[in-house]
């Protein structure tokens, strides 16, 4: 019980750091899955490039993000417009730094 409470607190801090960093760099972000798990889905605004392009640019800046681009997702509203952002293995500072690098990659 103690371990689960401690881990839950750690993951909530990481999630909150990720969400706050996204808002700082990208404004009002549309997020899904913020209440469960150790990752969330960001629906990209129309002003940003496709998920595939964002992922490529991010990787060039040392940031790993995954887009929803599989062929099985083509009929989904998420197809090539959503990123999967995991936060379990990173500290809040690493997440803030990663989102800053992502913003630099996306915004040029």
PDB file of N, CA and C in Angstrom:
ATOM      1  N   UNK A   1       0.832  -1.187   0.000  1.00  0.00           N
ATOM      2  CA  UNK A   1       0.000   0.000   0.000  1.00  0.00           C
ATOM      3  C   UNK A   1       0.884   1.261   0.000  1.00  0.00           C
ATOM      4  N   UNK A   2       1.896   1.262   0.847  1.00  0.00           N
ATOM      5  CA  UNK A   2       2.801   2.409   0.918  1.00  0.00           C
ATOM      6  C   UNK A   2       3.518   2.615  -0.414  1.00  0.00           C
ATOM      7  N   UNK A   3       3.987   1.529  -0.992  1.00  0.00           N
ATOM      8  CA  UNK A   3       4.689   1.611  -2.283  1.00  0.00           C
ATOM      9  C   UNK A   3       3.774   2.195  -3.362  1.00  0.00           C
ATOM     10  N   UNK A   4       2.538   1.736  -3.441  1.00  0.00           N
ATOM     11  CA  UNK A   4       1.613   2.218  -4.461  1.00  0.00           C
ATOM     12  C   UNK A   4       1.308   3.706  -4.284  1.00  0.00           C
ATOM     13  N   UNK A   5       1.137   4.150  -3.060  1.00  0.00           N
ATOM     14  CA  UNK A   5       0.902   5.571  -2.803  1.00  0.00           C
ATOM     15  C   UNK A   5       2.114   6.405  -3.234  1.00  0.00           C
ATOM     16  N   UNK A   6       3.310   5.911  -2.930  1.00  0.00           N
ATOM     17  CA  UNK A   6       4.527   6.628  -3.285  1.00  0.00           C
ATOM     18  C   UNK A   6       4.692   6.711  -4.800  1.00  0.00           C
ATOM     19  N   UNK A   7       4.490   5.607  -5.485  1.00  0.00           N
ATOM     20  CA  UNK A   7       4.634   5.573  -6.941  1.00  0.00           C
ATOM     21  C   UNK A   7       3.558   6.438  -7.602  1.00  0.00           C
ATOM     22  N   UNK A   8       2.354   6.374  -7.094  1.00  0.00           N
ATOM     23  CA  UNK A   8       1.269   7.197  -7.647  1.00  0.00           C
ATOM     24  C   UNK A   8       1.624   8.673  -7.553  1.00  0.00           C
ATOM     25  N   UNK A   9       2.167   9.087  -6.418  1.00  0.00           N
ATOM     26  CA  UNK A   9       2.570  10.481  -6.224  1.00  0.00           C
ATOM     27  C   UNK A   9       3.658  10.871  -7.230  1.00  0.00           C
ATOM     28  N   UNK A  10       4.619  10.011  -7.425  1.00  0.00           N
ATOM     29  CA  UNK A  10       5.710  10.274  -8.380  1.00  0.00           C
ATOM     30  C   UNK A  10       5.156  10.445  -9.790  1.00  0.00           C
ATOM     31  N   UNK A  11       4.279   9.526 -10.214  1.00  0.00           N
ATOM     32  CA  UNK A  11       3.733   9.602 -11.566  1.00  0.00           C
ATOM     33  C   UNK A  11       2.832  10.814 -11.747  1.00  0.00           C
ATOM     34  N   UNK A  12       2.092  11.192 -10.715  1.00  0.00           N
ATOM     35  CA  UNK A  12       1.259  12.395 -10.810  1.00  0.00           C
ATOM     36  C   UNK A  12       2.121  13.650 -10.955  1.00  0.00           C
ATOM     37  N   UNK A  13       3.223  13.715 -10.236  1.00  0.00           N
ATOM     38  CA  UNK A  13       4.139  14.852 -10.369  1.00  0.00           C
ATOM     39  C   UNK A  13       4.710  14.921 -11.777  1.00  0.00           C
ATOM     40  N   UNK A  14       5.056  13.779 -12.332  1.00  0.00           N
ATOM     41  CA  UNK A  14       5.600  13.735 -13.688  1.00  0.00           C
ATOM     42  C   UNK A  14       4.541  14.129 -14.709  1.00  0.00           C
ATOM     43  N   UNK A  15       3.348  13.593 -14.542  1.00  0.00           N
ATOM     44  CA  UNK A  15       2.256  13.941 -15.458  1.00  0.00           C
ATOM     45  C   UNK A  15       1.985  15.439 -15.409  1.00  0.00           C
ATOM     46  N   UNK A  16       1.896  15.980 -14.209  1.00  0.00           N
ATOM     47  CA  UNK A  16       1.612  17.406 -14.055  1.00  0.00           C
ATOM     48  C   UNK A  16       2.716  18.266 -14.662  1.00  0.00           C
ATOM     49  N   UNK A  17       3.973  17.852 -14.519  1.00  0.00           N
ATOM     50  CA  UNK A  17       5.086  18.592 -15.113  1.00  0.00           C
ATOM     51  C   UNK A  17       4.979  18.574 -16.640  1.00  0.00           C
ATOM     52  N   UNK A  18       4.619  17.433 -17.208  1.00  0.00           N
ATOM     53  CA  UNK A  18       4.460  17.319 -18.653  1.00  0.00           C
ATOM     54  C   UNK A  18       3.332  18.212 -19.142  1.00  0.00           C
ATOM     55  N   UNK A  19       2.190  18.149 -18.494  1.00  0.00           N
ATOM     56  CA  UNK A  19       1.041  18.961 -18.905  1.00  0.00           C
ATOM     57  C   UNK A  19       1.370  20.448 -18.805  1.00  0.00           C
ATOM     58  N   UNK A  20       1.966  20.856 -17.698  1.00  0.00           N
ATOM     59  CA  UNK A  20       2.316  22.261 -17.522  1.00  0.00           C
ATOM     60  C   UNK A  20       3.303  22.723 -18.591  1.00  0.00           C
ATOM     61  N   UNK A  21       4.292  21.907 -18.893  1.00  0.00           N
ATOM     62  CA  UNK A  21       5.273  22.266 -19.919  1.00  0.00           C
ATOM     63  C   UNK A  21       4.610  22.398 -21.289  1.00  0.00           C
ATOM     64  N   UNK A  22       3.707  21.489 -21.611  1.00  0.00           N
ATOM     65  CA  UNK A  22       2.984  21.589 -22.880  1.00  0.00           C
ATOM     66  C   UNK A  22       2.210  22.895 -22.961  1.00  0.00           C
ATOM     67  N   UNK A  23       1.552  23.261 -21.870  1.00  0.00           N
ATOM     68  CA  UNK A  23       0.774  24.506 -21.855  1.00  0.00           C
ATOM     69  C   UNK A  23       1.673  25.730 -21.969  1.00  0.00           C
ATOM     70  N   UNK A  24       2.818  25.700 -21.313  1.00  0.00           N
ATOM     71  CA  UNK A  24       3.756  26.828 -21.387  1.00  0.00           C
ATOM     72  C   UNK A  24       4.217  27.042 -22.825  1.00  0.00           C
ATOM     73  N   UNK A  25       4.534  25.962 -23.520  1.00  0.00           N
ATOM     74  CA  UNK A  25       5.118  26.077 -24.857  1.00  0.00           C
ATOM     75  C   UNK A  25       4.109  26.073 -26.001  1.00  0.00           C
ATOM     76  N   UNK A  26       2.921  25.499 -25.762  1.00  0.00           N
ATOM     77  CA  UNK A  26       1.961  25.358 -26.859  1.00  0.00           C
ATOM     78  C   UNK A  26       0.584  25.943 -26.559  1.00  0.00           C
ATOM     79  N   UNK A  27       0.410  26.536 -25.392  1.00  0.00           N
ATOM     80  CA  UNK A  27      -0.881  27.138 -25.056  1.00  0.00           C
ATOM     81  C   UNK A  27      -1.901  26.099 -24.626  1.00  0.00           C
ATOM     82  N   UNK A  28      -3.135  26.328 -25.022  1.00  0.00           N
ATOM     83  CA  UNK A  28      -4.241  25.440 -24.651  1.00  0.00           C
ATOM     84  C   UNK A  28      -4.133  24.146 -25.459  1.00  0.00           C
ATOM     85  N   UNK A  29      -3.741  23.068 -24.797  1.00  0.00           N
ATOM     86  CA  UNK A  29      -3.545  21.795 -25.484  1.00  0.00           C
ATOM     87  C   UNK A  29      -4.712  20.855 -25.208  1.00  0.00           C
ATOM     88  N   UNK A  30      -5.088  20.082 -26.229  1.00  0.00           N
ATOM     89  CA  UNK A  30      -6.164  19.095 -26.097  1.00  0.00           C
ATOM     90  C   UNK A  30      -5.526  17.746 -25.772  1.00  0.00           C
ATOM     91  N   UNK A  31      -5.700  17.306 -24.527  1.00  0.00           N
ATOM     92  CA  UNK A  31      -5.075  16.074 -24.047  1.00  0.00           C
ATOM     93  C   UNK A  31      -6.122  15.031 -23.717  1.00  0.00           C
ATOM     94  N   UNK A  32      -5.772  13.789 -23.975  1.00  0.00           N
ATOM     95  CA  UNK A  32      -6.639  12.645 -23.661  1.00  0.00           C
ATOM     96  C   UNK A  32      -5.835  11.661 -22.824  1.00  0.00           C
ATOM     97  N   UNK A  33      -6.487  11.054 -21.843  1.00  0.00           N
ATOM     98  CA  UNK A  33      -5.835  10.026 -21.045  1.00  0.00           C
ATOM     99  C   UNK A  33      -5.011  10.563 -19.899  1.00  0.00           C
ATOM    100  N   UNK A  34      -5.330  11.739 -19.433  1.00  0.00           N
ATOM    101  CA  UNK A  34      -4.541  12.340 -18.360  1.00  0.00           C
ATOM    102  C   UNK A  34      -4.828  11.742 -16.996  1.00  0.00           C
ATOM    103  N   UNK A  35      -5.905  11.003 -16.876  1.00  0.00           N
ATOM    104  CA  UNK A  35      -6.293  10.473 -15.570  1.00  0.00           C
ATOM    105  C   UNK A  35      -5.859   9.037 -15.324  1.00  0.00           C
ATOM    106  N   UNK A  36      -5.330   8.385 -16.340  1.00  0.00           N
ATOM    107  CA  UNK A  36      -4.941   6.977 -16.185  1.00  0.00           C
ATOM    108  C   UNK A  36      -3.597   6.719 -16.857  1.00  0.00           C
ATOM    109  N   UNK A  37      -2.922   5.699 -16.408  1.00  0.00           N
ATOM    110  CA  UNK A  37      -1.706   5.247 -17.063  1.00  0.00           C
ATOM    111  C   UNK A  37      -0.504   6.128 -16.835  1.00  0.00           C
ATOM    112  N   UNK A  38       0.513   5.925 -17.665  1.00  0.00           N
ATOM    113  CA  UNK A  38       1.762   6.678 -17.569  1.00  0.00           C
ATOM    114  C   UNK A  38       2.121   7.317 -18.908  1.00  0.00           C
ATOM    115  N   UNK A  39       1.103   7.584 -19.701  1.00  0.00           N
ATOM    116  CA  UNK A  39       1.268   8.307 -20.944  1.00  0.00           C
ATOM    117  C   UNK A  39      -0.030   9.039 -21.232  1.00  0.00           C
ATOM    118  N   UNK A  40       0.043  10.008 -22.110  1.00  0.00           N
ATOM    119  CA  UNK A  40      -1.158  10.719 -22.516  1.00  0.00           C
ATOM    120  C   UNK A  40      -1.099  10.960 -24.012  1.00  0.00           C
ATOM    121  N   UNK A  41      -2.229  11.327 -24.571  1.00  0.00           N
ATOM    122  CA  UNK A  41      -2.325  11.589 -26.001  1.00  0.00           C
ATOM    123  C   UNK A  41      -2.607  13.067 -26.203  1.00  0.00           C
ATOM    124  N   UNK A  42      -1.809  13.698 -27.055  1.00  0.00           N
ATOM    125  CA  UNK A  42      -1.978  15.112 -27.383  1.00  0.00           C
ATOM    126  C   UNK A  42      -2.523  15.203 -28.794  1.00  0.00           C
ATOM    127  N   UNK A  43      -3.725  15.753 -28.927  1.00  0.00           N
ATOM    128  CA  UNK A  43      -4.292  15.998 -30.245  1.00  0.00           C
ATOM    129  C   UNK A  43      -3.709  17.311 -30.763  1.00  0.00           C
ATOM    130  N   UNK A  44      -2.945  17.221 -31.817  1.00  0.00           N
ATOM    131  CA  UNK A  44      -2.241  18.382 -32.345  1.00  0.00           C
ATOM    132  C   UNK A  44      -3.205  19.407 -32.937  1.00  0.00           C
ATOM    133  N   UNK A  45      -2.958  20.677 -32.659  1.00  0.00           N
ATOM    134  CA  UNK A  45      -3.792  21.711 -33.278  1.00  0.00           C
ATOM    135  C   UNK A  45      -3.494  21.803 -34.774  1.00  0.00           C
ATOM    136  N   UNK A  46      -4.439  22.324 -35.512  1.00  0.00           N
ATOM    137  CA  UNK A  46      -4.292  22.422 -36.974  1.00  0.00           C
ATOM    138  C   UNK A  46      -3.096  23.267 -37.388  1.00  0.00           C
ATOM    139  N   UNK A  47      -2.674  24.200 -36.537  1.00  0.00           N
ATOM    140  CA  UNK A  47      -1.558  25.079 -36.891  1.00  0.00           C
ATOM    141  C   UNK A  47      -0.220  24.348 -36.919  1.00  0.00           C
ATOM    142  N   UNK A  48      -0.160  23.155 -36.317  1.00  0.00           N
ATOM    143  CA  UNK A  48       1.079  22.369 -36.311  1.00  0.00           C
ATOM    144  C   UNK A  48       1.068  21.359 -37.445  1.00  0.00           C
ATOM    145  N   UNK A  49       2.248  20.913 -37.801  1.00  0.00           N
ATOM    146  CA  UNK A  49       2.403  19.902 -38.849  1.00  0.00           C
ATOM    147  C   UNK A  49       1.780  18.574 -38.397  1.00  0.00           C
ATOM    148  N   UNK A  50       1.800  17.620 -39.284  1.00  0.00           N
ATOM    149  CA  UNK A  50       1.273  16.288 -38.986  1.00  0.00           C
ATOM    150  C   UNK A  50       2.095  15.622 -37.886  1.00  0.00           C
ATOM    151  N   UNK A  51       1.527  14.624 -37.259  1.00  0.00           N
ATOM    152  CA  UNK A  51       2.230  13.878 -36.209  1.00  0.00           C
ATOM    153  C   UNK A  51       3.517  13.271 -36.760  1.00  0.00           C
ATOM    154  N   UNK A  52       3.456  12.753 -37.939  1.00  0.00           N
ATOM    155  CA  UNK A  52       4.641  12.147 -38.560  1.00  0.00           C
ATOM    156  C   UNK A  52       5.763  13.178 -38.694  1.00  0.00           C
ATOM    157  N   UNK A  53       5.436  14.374 -39.158  1.00  0.00           N
ATOM    158  CA  UNK A  53       6.424  15.436 -39.316  1.00  0.00           C
ATOM    159  C   UNK A  53       6.943  15.908 -37.965  1.00  0.00           C
ATOM    160  N   UNK A  54       6.045  16.075 -37.006  1.00  0.00           N
ATOM    161  CA  UNK A  54       6.453  16.490 -35.658  1.00  0.00           C
ATOM    162  C   UNK A  54       7.412  15.466 -35.059  1.00  0.00           C
ATOM    163  N   UNK A  55       7.112  14.184 -35.212  1.00  0.00           N
ATOM    164  CA  UNK A  55       7.984  13.126 -34.686  1.00  0.00           C
ATOM    165  C   UNK A  55       9.370  13.193 -35.330  1.00  0.00           C
ATOM    166  N   UNK A  56       9.408  13.371 -36.631  1.00  0.00           N
ATOM    167  CA  UNK A  56      10.697  13.466 -37.333  1.00  0.00           C
ATOM    168  C   UNK A  56      11.503  14.664 -36.850  1.00  0.00           C
ATOM    169  N   UNK A  57      10.858  15.797 -36.737  1.00  0.00           N
ATOM    170  CA  UNK A  57      11.548  17.007 -36.267  1.00  0.00           C
ATOM    171  C   UNK A  57      12.017  16.843 -34.824  1.00  0.00           C
ATOM    172  N   UNK A  58      11.170  16.230 -34.003  1.00  0.00           N
ATOM    173  CA  UNK A  58      11.532  16.021 -32.594  1.00  0.00           C
ATOM    174  C   UNK A  58      12.752  15.121 -32.475  1.00  0.00           C
ATOM    175  N   UNK A  59      12.764  14.027 -33.217  1.00  0.00           N
ATOM    176  CA  UNK A  59      13.909  13.111 -33.166  1.00  0.00           C
ATOM    177  C   UNK A  59      15.201  13.805 -33.581  1.00  0.00           C
ATOM    178  N   UNK A  60      15.105  14.706 -34.538  1.00  0.00           N
ATOM    179  CA  UNK A  60      16.289  15.460 -34.973  1.00  0.00           C
ATOM    180  C   UNK A  60      16.817  16.356 -33.859  1.00  0.00           C
ATOM    181  N   UNK A  61      15.965  16.661 -32.871  1.00  0.00           N
ATOM    182  CA  UNK A  61      16.360  17.473 -31.717  1.00  0.00           C
ATOM    183  C   UNK A  61      16.567  16.619 -30.463  1.00  0.00           C
ATOM    184  N   UNK A  62      16.630  15.303 -30.646  1.00  0.00           N
ATOM    185  CA  UNK A  62      16.905  14.412 -29.529  1.00  0.00           C
ATOM    186  C   UNK A  62      15.722  14.085 -28.643  1.00  0.00           C
ATOM    187  N   UNK A  63      14.522  14.316 -29.146  1.00  0.00           N
ATOM    188  CA  UNK A  63      13.305  14.048 -28.373  1.00  0.00           C
ATOM    189  C   UNK A  63      12.548  12.914 -29.048  1.00  0.00           C
ATOM    190  N   UNK A  64      12.200  11.899 -28.268  1.00  0.00           N
ATOM    191  CA  UNK A  64      11.453  10.764 -28.833  1.00  0.00           C
ATOM    192  C   UNK A  64       9.976  10.890 -28.469  1.00  0.00           C
ATOM    193  N   UNK A  65       9.146  11.015 -29.473  1.00  0.00           N
ATOM    194  CA  UNK A  65       7.694  10.991 -29.307  1.00  0.00           C
ATOM    195  C   UNK A  65       7.128  10.045 -30.350  1.00  0.00           C
ATOM    196  N   UNK A  66       5.971   9.509 -30.062  1.00  0.00           N
ATOM    197  CA  UNK A  66       5.313   8.582 -30.982  1.00  0.00           C
ATOM    198  C   UNK A  66       4.032   9.211 -31.496  1.00  0.00           C
ATOM    199  N   UNK A  67       3.799   9.082 -32.788  1.00  0.00           N
ATOM    200  CA  UNK A  67       2.560   9.564 -33.381  1.00  0.00           C
ATOM    201  C   UNK A  67       1.608   8.417 -33.644  1.00  0.00           C
ATOM    202  N   UNK A  68       0.335   8.743 -33.763  1.00  0.00           N
ATOM    203  CA  UNK A  68      -0.672   7.748 -34.129  1.00  0.00           C
ATOM    204  C   UNK A  68      -0.760   7.791 -35.650  1.00  0.00           C
ATOM    205  N   UNK A  69       0.035   6.928 -36.283  1.00  0.00           N
ATOM    206  CA  UNK A  69       0.122   6.947 -37.745  1.00  0.00           C
ATOM    207  C   UNK A  69       0.007   5.558 -38.371  1.00  0.00           C
ATOM    208  N   UNK A  70      -0.313   4.549 -37.601  1.00  0.00           N
ATOM    209  CA  UNK A  70      -0.383   3.195 -38.163  1.00  0.00           C
ATOM    210  C   UNK A  70      -1.546   3.081 -39.152  1.00  0.00           C
ATOM    211  N   UNK A  71      -1.409   2.167 -40.074  1.00  0.00           N
ATOM    212  CA  UNK A  71      -2.447   1.965 -41.088  1.00  0.00           C
ATOM    213  C   UNK A  71      -3.788   1.593 -40.465  1.00  0.00           C
ATOM    214  N   UNK A  72      -3.764   0.896 -39.347  1.00  0.00           N
ATOM    215  CA  UNK A  72      -5.024   0.500 -38.703  1.00  0.00           C
ATOM    216  C   UNK A  72      -5.748   1.684 -38.077  1.00  0.00           C
ATOM    217  N   UNK A  73      -5.061   2.804 -37.901  1.00  0.00           N
ATOM    218  CA  UNK A  73      -5.666   3.987 -37.291  1.00  0.00           C
ATOM    219  C   UNK A  73      -6.162   4.993 -38.326  1.00  0.00           C
ATOM    220  N   UNK A  74      -6.068   4.670 -39.614  1.00  0.00           N
ATOM    221  CA  UNK A  74      -6.413   5.637 -40.662  1.00  0.00           C
ATOM    222  C   UNK A  74      -7.824   6.186 -40.542  1.00  0.00           C
ATOM    223  N   UNK A  75      -8.757   5.413 -40.076  1.00  0.00           N
ATOM    224  CA  UNK A  75     -10.130   5.888 -39.968  1.00  0.00           C
ATOM    225  C   UNK A  75     -10.370   6.656 -38.671  1.00  0.00           C
ATOM    226  N   UNK A  76      -9.367   6.737 -37.827  1.00  0.00           N
ATOM    227  CA  UNK A  76      -9.492   7.423 -36.541  1.00  0.00           C
ATOM    228  C   UNK A  76      -9.228   8.912 -36.683  1.00  0.00           C
ATOM    229  N   UNK A  77      -9.877   9.719 -35.863  1.00  0.00           N
ATOM    230  CA  UNK A  77      -9.614  11.159 -35.863  1.00  0.00           C
ATOM    231  C   UNK A  77      -8.205  11.461 -35.347  1.00  0.00           C
ATOM    232  N   UNK A  78      -7.574  10.455 -34.728  1.00  0.00           N
ATOM    233  CA  UNK A  78      -6.231  10.625 -34.207  1.00  0.00           C
ATOM    234  C   UNK A  78      -5.159  10.423 -35.271  1.00  0.00           C
ATOM    235  N   UNK A  79      -5.521   9.818 -36.392  1.00  0.00           N
ATOM    236  CA  UNK A  79      -4.529   9.451 -37.397  1.00  0.00           C
ATOM    237  C   UNK A  79      -3.718  10.662 -37.849  1.00  0.00           C
ATOM    238  N   UNK A  80      -2.451  10.604 -37.599  1.00  0.00           N
ATOM    239  CA  UNK A  80      -1.475  11.613 -37.997  1.00  0.00           C
ATOM    240  C   UNK A  80      -1.754  12.993 -37.404  1.00  0.00           C
ATOM    241  N   UNK A  81      -2.594  13.060 -36.371  1.00  0.00           N
ATOM    242  CA  UNK A  81      -2.875  14.323 -35.683  1.00  0.00           C
ATOM    243  C   UNK A  81      -2.703  14.177 -34.178  1.00  0.00           C
ATOM    244  N   UNK A  82      -2.131  13.068 -33.731  1.00  0.00           N
ATOM    245  CA  UNK A  82      -1.990  12.841 -32.293  1.00  0.00           C
ATOM    246  C   UNK A  82      -0.610  12.299 -31.957  1.00  0.00           C
ATOM    247  N   UNK A  83      -0.109  12.721 -30.807  1.00  0.00           N
ATOM    248  CA  UNK A  83       1.158  12.219 -30.292  1.00  0.00           C
ATOM    249  C   UNK A  83       0.906  11.488 -28.986  1.00  0.00           C
ATOM    250  N   UNK A  84       1.631  10.398 -28.790  1.00  0.00           N
ATOM    251  CA  UNK A  84       1.613   9.660 -27.533  1.00  0.00           C
ATOM    252  C   UNK A  84       2.836  10.109 -26.743  1.00  0.00           C
ATOM    253  N   UNK A  85       2.618  10.654 -25.567  1.00  0.00           N
ATOM    254  CA  UNK A  85       3.705  11.179 -24.742  1.00  0.00           C
ATOM    255  C   UNK A  85       3.782  10.404 -23.432  1.00  0.00           C
ATOM    256  N   UNK A  86       4.826   9.617 -23.275  1.00  0.00           N
ATOM    257  CA  UNK A  86       5.036   8.864 -22.052  1.00  0.00           C
ATOM    258  C   UNK A  86       5.825   9.687 -21.044  1.00  0.00           C
ATOM    259  N   UNK A  87       5.567   9.448 -19.765  1.00  0.00           N
ATOM    260  CA  UNK A  87       6.258  10.223 -18.730  1.00  0.00           C
ATOM    261  C   UNK A  87       6.766   9.390 -17.568  1.00  0.00           C
ATOM    262  N   UNK A  88       6.589   8.100 -17.595  1.00  0.00           N
ATOM    263  CA  UNK A  88       6.936   7.250 -16.454  1.00  0.00           C
ATOM    264  C   UNK A  88       8.429   7.226 -16.150  1.00  0.00           C
ATOM    265  N   UNK A  89       9.257   7.229 -17.170  1.00  0.00           N
ATOM    266  CA  UNK A  89      10.691   7.014 -16.975  1.00  0.00           C
ATOM    267  C   UNK A  89      11.505   8.301 -16.904  1.00  0.00           C
ATOM    268  N   UNK A  90      10.824   9.438 -16.829  1.00  0.00           N
ATOM    269  CA  UNK A  90      11.537  10.709 -16.844  1.00  0.00           C
ATOM    270  C   UNK A  90      11.200  11.540 -15.613  1.00  0.00           C
ATOM    271  N   UNK A  91      12.165  12.328 -15.184  1.00  0.00           N
ATOM    272  CA  UNK A  91      11.931  13.227 -14.060  1.00  0.00           C
ATOM    273  C   UNK A  91      11.163  14.452 -14.561  1.00  0.00           C
ATOM    274  N   UNK A  92      10.556  15.199 -13.653  1.00  0.00           N
ATOM    275  CA  UNK A  92       9.888  16.426 -14.082  1.00  0.00           C
ATOM    276  C   UNK A  92      10.816  17.379 -14.842  1.00  0.00           C
ATOM    277  N   UNK A  93      12.056  17.513 -14.411  1.00  0.00           N
ATOM    278  CA  UNK A  93      12.998  18.382 -15.130  1.00  0.00           C
ATOM    279  C   UNK A  93      13.289  17.859 -16.534  1.00  0.00           C
ATOM    280  N   UNK A  94      13.436  16.556 -16.680  1.00  0.00           N
ATOM    281  CA  UNK A  94      13.667  15.975 -18.008  1.00  0.00           C
ATOM    282  C   UNK A  94      12.457  16.212 -18.912  1.00  0.00           C
ATOM    283  N   UNK A  95      11.273  16.093 -18.350  1.00  0.00           N
ATOM    284  CA  UNK A  95      10.053  16.325 -19.130  1.00  0.00           C
ATOM    285  C   UNK A  95       9.965  17.777 -19.581  1.00  0.00           C
ATOM    286  N   UNK A  96      10.251  18.706 -18.683  1.00  0.00           N
ATOM    287  CA  UNK A  96      10.217  20.126 -19.052  1.00  0.00           C
ATOM    288  C   UNK A  96      11.251  20.420 -20.144  1.00  0.00           C
ATOM    289  N   UNK A  97      12.440  19.873 -19.997  1.00  0.00           N
ATOM    290  CA  UNK A  97      13.485  20.064 -21.002  1.00  0.00           C
ATOM    291  C   UNK A  97      13.069  19.441 -22.339  1.00  0.00           C
ATOM    292  N   UNK A  98      12.486  18.253 -22.290  1.00  0.00           N
ATOM    293  CA  UNK A  98      12.045  17.576 -23.506  1.00  0.00           C
ATOM    294  C   UNK A  98      10.959  18.341 -24.238  1.00  0.00           C
ATOM    295  N   UNK A  99      10.013  18.901 -23.508  1.00  0.00           N
ATOM    296  CA  UNK A  99       8.942  19.669 -24.149  1.00  0.00           C
ATOM    297  C   UNK A  99       9.510  20.969 -24.732  1.00  0.00           C
ATOM    298  N   UNK A 100      10.456  21.580 -24.043  1.00  0.00           N
ATOM    299  CA  UNK A 100      11.099  22.779 -24.589  1.00  0.00           C
ATOM    300  C   UNK A 100      11.812  22.445 -25.895  1.00  0.00           C
ATOM    301  N   UNK A 101      12.504  21.312 -25.933  1.00  0.00           N
ATOM    302  CA  UNK A 101      13.191  20.876 -27.156  1.00  0.00           C
ATOM    303  C   UNK A 101      12.171  20.541 -28.255  1.00  0.00           C
ATOM    304  N   UNK A 102      11.057  19.935 -27.861  1.00  0.00           N
ATOM    305  CA  UNK A 102       9.993  19.636 -28.816  1.00  0.00           C
ATOM    306  C   UNK A 102       9.443  20.940 -29.423  1.00  0.00           C
ATOM    307  N   UNK A 103       9.221  21.932 -28.581  1.00  0.00           N
ATOM    308  CA  UNK A 103       8.719  23.219 -29.065  1.00  0.00           C
ATOM    309  C   UNK A 103       9.709  23.855 -30.044  1.00  0.00           C
ATOM    310  N   UNK A 104      10.979  23.774 -29.712  1.00  0.00           N
ATOM    311  CA  UNK A 104      11.998  24.325 -30.610  1.00  0.00           C
ATOM    312  C   UNK A 104      11.996  23.580 -31.948  1.00  0.00           C
ATOM    313  N   UNK A 105      11.855  22.266 -31.881  1.00  0.00           N
ATOM    314  CA  UNK A 105      11.845  21.454 -33.100  1.00  0.00           C
ATOM    315  C   UNK A 105      10.625  21.769 -33.961  1.00  0.00           C
ATOM    316  N   UNK A 106       9.487  21.911 -33.329  1.00  0.00           N
ATOM    317  CA  UNK A 106       8.231  22.112 -34.055  1.00  0.00           C
ATOM    318  C   UNK A 106       8.116  23.532 -34.596  1.00  0.00           C
ATOM    319  N   UNK A 107       8.551  24.491 -33.803  1.00  0.00           N
ATOM    320  CA  UNK A 107       8.383  25.897 -34.177  1.00  0.00           C
ATOM    321  C   UNK A 107       9.571  26.461 -34.948  1.00  0.00           C
ATOM    322  N   UNK A 108      10.610  25.640 -35.090  1.00  0.00           N
ATOM    323  CA  UNK A 108      11.763  26.048 -35.886  1.00  0.00           C
ATOM    324  C   UNK A 108      12.673  26.896 -35.143  1.00  0.00           C
TER     325      UNK A 108
END
